[in-house]
Amino acid sequence: MDPAVFAEPKIKVTGPDISERDNSILALSFQRAIIPLTDLYDRKMIDTKELLHLVYSFAGQQYDESKYLGEGLRRPLSNK
């Protein structure tokens, strides 16, 4: 065993999107989910951290909880 070679190297693999179709499906998913999710948030059924986690998931991204800034502002509920 060569001591100059790391026994447990850190490897990061990146690449382009698999297809453009994936992006359009994610965009449609996000568009359909954002209003119901923000309604749940405005009704205090989910907190800011859960909203952000779900929004990022529907957008096909990873939510970094270390960047959490605290509770956001909620829209007042209307009398529909």
Protein backbone atom coordinates (compact mmCIF):
# COMPACT_ATOMS: atom_id res chain seq x y z
CA MET A 1 0.00 0.00 0.00
CA ASP A 2 1.37 3.38 -1.03
CA PRO A 3 1.11 5.92 1.86
CA ALA A 4 1.03 8.77 -0.68
CA VAL A 5 -2.37 7.57 -1.94
CA PHE A 6 -5.45 8.43 0.14
CA ALA A 7 -7.17 5.31 1.44
CA GLU A 8 -10.57 7.01 1.38
CA PRO A 9 -10.54 9.66 -1.36
CA LYS A 10 -13.45 12.09 -1.70
CA ILE A 11 -15.03 11.70 -5.13
CA LYS A 12 -17.59 14.06 -6.62
CA VAL A 13 -19.32 13.07 -9.85
CA THR A 14 -21.22 15.67 -11.87
CA GLY A 15 -22.82 15.65 -15.26
CA PRO A 16 -25.43 17.34 -17.42
CA ASP A 17 -29.16 16.69 -17.12
CA ILE A 18 -30.20 13.34 -18.53
CA SER A 19 -32.62 15.02 -20.92
CA GLU A 20 -34.37 18.31 -21.56
CA ARG A 21 -37.64 16.48 -20.99
CA ASP A 22 -36.67 16.03 -17.32
CA ASN A 23 -36.48 19.80 -16.94
CA SER A 24 -39.94 20.35 -18.42
CA ILE A 25 -41.43 17.63 -16.19
CA LEU A 26 -39.82 19.22 -13.12
CA ALA A 27 -41.10 22.65 -14.15
CA LEU A 28 -44.64 21.32 -14.56
CA SER A 29 -44.45 19.50 -11.23
CA PHE A 30 -43.20 22.64 -9.49
CA GLN A 31 -45.90 24.80 -11.11
CA ARG A 32 -48.66 22.43 -9.98
CA ALA A 33 -47.31 22.07 -6.43
CA ILE A 34 -46.30 25.60 -5.46
CA ILE A 35 -49.80 27.04 -4.86
CA PRO A 36 -51.09 24.16 -2.69
CA LEU A 37 -47.81 24.13 -0.76
CA THR A 38 -47.90 27.85 -0.05
CA ASP A 39 -51.56 27.52 0.97
CA LEU A 40 -50.55 24.86 3.52
CA TYR A 41 -47.82 27.19 4.73
CA ASP A 42 -50.15 30.20 4.99
CA ARG A 43 -52.59 28.08 7.04
CA LYS A 44 -49.70 27.14 9.38
CA MET A 45 -50.05 23.45 8.52
CA ILE A 46 -46.35 23.26 7.59
CA ASP A 47 -43.44 25.41 8.74
CA THR A 48 -40.93 27.32 6.64
CA LYS A 49 -38.33 24.56 6.72
CA GLU A 50 -40.83 21.95 5.45
CA LEU A 51 -42.11 24.32 2.75
CA LEU A 52 -38.57 24.96 1.50
CA HIS A 53 -37.74 21.25 1.55
CA LEU A 54 -40.85 20.43 -0.52
CA VAL A 55 -40.38 23.33 -2.95
CA TYR A 56 -36.77 22.35 -3.59
CA SER A 57 -37.83 18.71 -4.07
CA PHE A 58 -40.45 19.63 -6.66
CA ALA A 59 -37.85 21.81 -8.39
CA GLY A 60 -35.45 18.86 -8.54
CA GLN A 61 -32.93 20.45 -6.19
CA GLN A 62 -31.45 19.65 -2.78
CA TYR A 63 -32.41 21.95 0.10
CA ASP A 64 -29.43 22.97 2.24
CA GLU A 65 -30.81 23.28 5.78
CA SER A 66 -27.64 25.04 6.90
CA LYS A 67 -28.86 28.10 4.96
CA TYR A 68 -32.19 28.21 6.84
CA LEU A 69 -32.96 31.81 7.88
CA GLY A 70 -35.99 31.25 10.11
CA GLU A 71 -39.71 31.64 9.59
CA GLY A 72 -40.87 33.54 6.55
CA LEU A 73 -43.85 35.85 6.12
CA ARG A 74 -47.23 34.27 5.58
CA ARG A 75 -49.99 35.74 3.42
CA PRO A 76 -53.14 36.64 5.30
CA LEU A 77 -56.00 34.27 4.53
CA SER A 78 -58.79 35.83 2.46
CA ASN A 79 -62.53 35.41 2.98
CA LYS A 80 -63.26 33.55 -0.25
